[in-house]
Amino acid sequence: MRSALWKLVFAVRSNWTREEGQDLVEYALVVGLIAIAAVAGLHGVASAVKNVITGITGTMNTAA
């Protein structure tokens, strides 16, 4: 029983210290942060575009 427990402990330790998948996780985090920044930035752009279109519509309504 003890040898099986030690094997499990060593397997967990060896997997914990491996760095093979670390790059993939880092790239995923960077892509996620870029996506969040893009969504936040586009929200401001969408508001500005809406204001411009509302202004144009108002001008066209008063001219007609």
N, C-alpha and C. Protein backbone atom coordinates (compact mmCIF):
# COMPACT_ATOMS: atom_id res chain seq x y z
N MET A 1 0.82 -1.20 0.00
CA MET A 1 0.00 0.00 0.00
C MET A 1 0.86 1.25 0.00
N ARG A 2 1.93 1.23 0.79
CA ARG A 2 2.80 2.41 0.87
C ARG A 2 3.50 2.67 -0.45
N SER A 3 3.92 1.62 -1.14
CA SER A 3 4.62 1.83 -2.41
C SER A 3 3.68 2.44 -3.45
N ALA A 4 2.42 2.05 -3.43
CA ALA A 4 1.46 2.64 -4.36
C ALA A 4 1.24 4.12 -4.05
N LEU A 5 1.21 4.45 -2.77
CA LEU A 5 1.04 5.84 -2.37
C LEU A 5 2.25 6.67 -2.79
N TRP A 6 3.45 6.13 -2.60
CA TRP A 6 4.65 6.86 -3.01
C TRP A 6 4.70 7.03 -4.52
N LYS A 7 4.27 6.00 -5.26
CA LYS A 7 4.23 6.14 -6.72
C LYS A 7 3.29 7.26 -7.13
N LEU A 8 2.16 7.34 -6.45
CA LEU A 8 1.21 8.40 -6.74
C LEU A 8 1.80 9.77 -6.41
N VAL A 9 2.47 9.88 -5.29
CA VAL A 9 3.10 11.15 -4.90
C VAL A 9 4.15 11.55 -5.93
N PHE A 10 4.99 10.63 -6.35
CA PHE A 10 6.02 10.95 -7.33
C PHE A 10 5.41 11.30 -8.68
N ALA A 11 4.34 10.63 -9.06
CA ALA A 11 3.67 10.94 -10.34
C ALA A 11 3.08 12.34 -10.32
N VAL A 12 2.47 12.71 -9.20
CA VAL A 12 1.90 14.05 -9.08
C VAL A 12 3.00 15.10 -9.10
N ARG A 13 4.08 14.85 -8.40
CA ARG A 13 5.20 15.81 -8.38
C ARG A 13 5.81 15.97 -9.75
N SER A 14 6.01 14.87 -10.47
CA SER A 14 6.63 14.98 -11.79
C SER A 14 5.72 15.71 -12.76
N ASN A 15 4.43 15.49 -12.68
CA ASN A 15 3.50 16.21 -13.55
C ASN A 15 3.37 17.67 -13.15
N TRP A 16 3.52 17.96 -11.88
CA TRP A 16 3.38 19.33 -11.38
C TRP A 16 4.54 20.20 -11.86
N THR A 17 5.73 19.63 -11.97
CA THR A 17 6.91 20.41 -12.33
C THR A 17 7.18 20.42 -13.83
N ARG A 18 6.43 19.66 -14.60
CA ARG A 18 6.63 19.65 -16.05
C ARG A 18 6.17 20.97 -16.65
N GLU A 19 6.88 21.42 -17.67
CA GLU A 19 6.58 22.70 -18.29
C GLU A 19 6.19 22.55 -19.75
N GLU A 20 5.80 21.36 -20.18
CA GLU A 20 5.52 21.13 -21.59
C GLU A 20 4.27 21.88 -22.06
N GLY A 21 3.23 21.95 -21.26
CA GLY A 21 2.00 22.62 -21.67
C GLY A 21 1.91 24.06 -21.22
N GLN A 22 2.96 24.56 -20.62
CA GLN A 22 2.93 25.91 -20.06
C GLN A 22 2.79 26.96 -21.15
N ASP A 23 3.44 26.78 -22.28
CA ASP A 23 3.37 27.77 -23.36
C ASP A 23 1.94 27.90 -23.88
N LEU A 24 1.26 26.78 -24.02
CA LEU A 24 -0.11 26.81 -24.52
C LEU A 24 -1.02 27.58 -23.58
N VAL A 25 -0.84 27.39 -22.29
CA VAL A 25 -1.65 28.11 -21.31
C VAL A 25 -1.35 29.60 -21.36
N GLU A 26 -0.09 29.95 -21.50
CA GLU A 26 0.28 31.37 -21.58
C GLU A 26 -0.32 32.02 -22.83
N TYR A 27 -0.27 31.34 -23.96
CA TYR A 27 -0.86 31.88 -25.19
C TYR A 27 -2.37 32.03 -25.04
N ALA A 28 -3.01 31.07 -24.40
CA ALA A 28 -4.46 31.15 -24.20
C ALA A 28 -4.81 32.34 -23.31
N LEU A 29 -4.03 32.58 -22.28
CA LEU A 29 -4.27 33.74 -21.42
C LEU A 29 -4.08 35.05 -22.17
N VAL A 30 -3.06 35.14 -23.01
CA VAL A 30 -2.82 36.36 -23.78
C VAL A 30 -3.97 36.59 -24.76
N VAL A 31 -4.41 35.54 -25.44
CA VAL A 31 -5.53 35.68 -26.38
C VAL A 31 -6.79 36.10 -25.63
N GLY A 32 -7.02 35.54 -24.46
CA GLY A 32 -8.18 35.92 -23.67
C GLY A 32 -8.14 37.38 -23.25
N LEU A 33 -6.98 37.84 -22.82
CA LEU A 33 -6.85 39.25 -22.43
C LEU A 33 -7.04 40.19 -23.62
N ILE A 34 -6.53 39.80 -24.77
CA ILE A 34 -6.72 40.62 -25.98
C ILE A 34 -8.19 40.66 -26.35
N ALA A 35 -8.89 39.54 -26.23
CA ALA A 35 -10.32 39.51 -26.55
C ALA A 35 -11.11 40.40 -25.61
N ILE A 36 -10.78 40.37 -24.33
CA ILE A 36 -11.49 41.22 -23.37
C ILE A 36 -11.23 42.70 -23.67
N ALA A 37 -9.99 43.05 -23.99
CA ALA A 37 -9.66 44.43 -24.32
C ALA A 37 -10.37 44.87 -25.60
N ALA A 38 -10.46 43.98 -26.57
CA ALA A 38 -11.15 44.32 -27.82
C ALA A 38 -12.63 44.57 -27.59
N VAL A 39 -13.25 43.73 -26.79
CA VAL A 39 -14.67 43.91 -26.49
C VAL A 39 -14.90 45.22 -25.75
N ALA A 40 -14.05 45.51 -24.80
CA ALA A 40 -14.20 46.77 -24.05
C ALA A 40 -13.98 47.98 -24.95
N GLY A 41 -13.02 47.90 -25.85
CA GLY A 41 -12.75 49.00 -26.77
C GLY A 41 -13.87 49.18 -27.78
N LEU A 42 -14.41 48.08 -28.27
CA LEU A 42 -15.49 48.18 -29.26
C LEU A 42 -16.77 48.72 -28.65
N HIS A 43 -16.94 48.55 -27.36
CA HIS A 43 -18.13 49.10 -26.71
C HIS A 43 -18.11 50.62 -26.80
N GLY A 44 -16.96 51.22 -26.59
CA GLY A 44 -16.84 52.68 -26.71
C GLY A 44 -17.01 53.15 -28.15
N VAL A 45 -16.46 52.38 -29.09
CA VAL A 45 -16.60 52.73 -30.50
C VAL A 45 -18.06 52.63 -30.92
N ALA A 46 -18.76 51.60 -30.46
CA ALA A 46 -20.17 51.44 -30.81
C ALA A 46 -21.01 52.61 -30.30
N SER A 47 -20.70 53.08 -29.11
CA SER A 47 -21.42 54.23 -28.57
C SER A 47 -21.17 55.48 -29.41
N ALA A 48 -19.93 55.69 -29.83
CA ALA A 48 -19.61 56.85 -30.65
C ALA A 48 -20.30 56.78 -32.01
N VAL A 49 -20.32 55.62 -32.62
CA VAL A 49 -20.98 55.45 -33.91
C VAL A 49 -22.48 55.69 -33.77
N LYS A 50 -23.06 55.18 -32.69
CA LYS A 50 -24.49 55.39 -32.46
C LYS A 50 -24.81 56.87 -32.32
N ASN A 51 -23.95 57.62 -31.61
CA ASN A 51 -24.17 59.06 -31.45
C ASN A 51 -24.07 59.80 -32.79
N VAL A 52 -23.13 59.39 -33.64
CA VAL A 52 -22.99 60.02 -34.95
C VAL A 52 -24.22 59.74 -35.80
N ILE A 53 -24.68 58.51 -35.81
CA ILE A 53 -25.86 58.15 -36.61
C ILE A 53 -27.10 58.87 -36.09
N THR A 54 -27.22 58.98 -34.78
CA THR A 54 -28.36 59.71 -34.20
C THR A 54 -28.31 61.18 -34.60
N GLY A 55 -27.13 61.77 -34.61
CA GLY A 55 -26.97 63.16 -35.03
C GLY A 55 -27.34 63.35 -36.49
N ILE A 56 -26.90 62.44 -37.34
CA ILE A 56 -27.23 62.52 -38.77
C ILE A 56 -28.73 62.37 -38.98
N THR A 57 -29.35 61.43 -38.27
CA THR A 57 -30.79 61.22 -38.39
C THR A 57 -31.55 62.46 -37.95
N GLY A 58 -31.12 63.07 -36.86
CA GLY A 58 -31.77 64.28 -36.37
C GLY A 58 -31.66 65.43 -37.36
N THR A 59 -30.47 65.55 -37.97
CA THR A 59 -30.27 66.61 -38.97
C THR A 59 -31.14 66.39 -40.20
N MET A 60 -31.24 65.14 -40.63
CA MET A 60 -32.06 64.82 -41.79
C MET A 60 -33.55 65.05 -41.51
N ASN A 61 -33.98 64.76 -40.28
CA ASN A 61 -35.39 64.96 -39.93
C ASN A 61 -35.75 66.44 -39.89
N THR A 62 -34.82 67.27 -39.43
CA THR A 62 -35.12 68.71 -39.35
C THR A 62 -35.05 69.35 -40.74
N ALA A 63 -34.29 68.78 -41.65
CA ALA A 63 -34.17 69.34 -43.00
C ALA A 63 -35.37 68.98 -43.86
N ALA A 64 -36.01 67.91 -43.55
CA ALA A 64 -37.13 67.45 -44.39
C ALA A 64 -38.38 68.16 -44.12
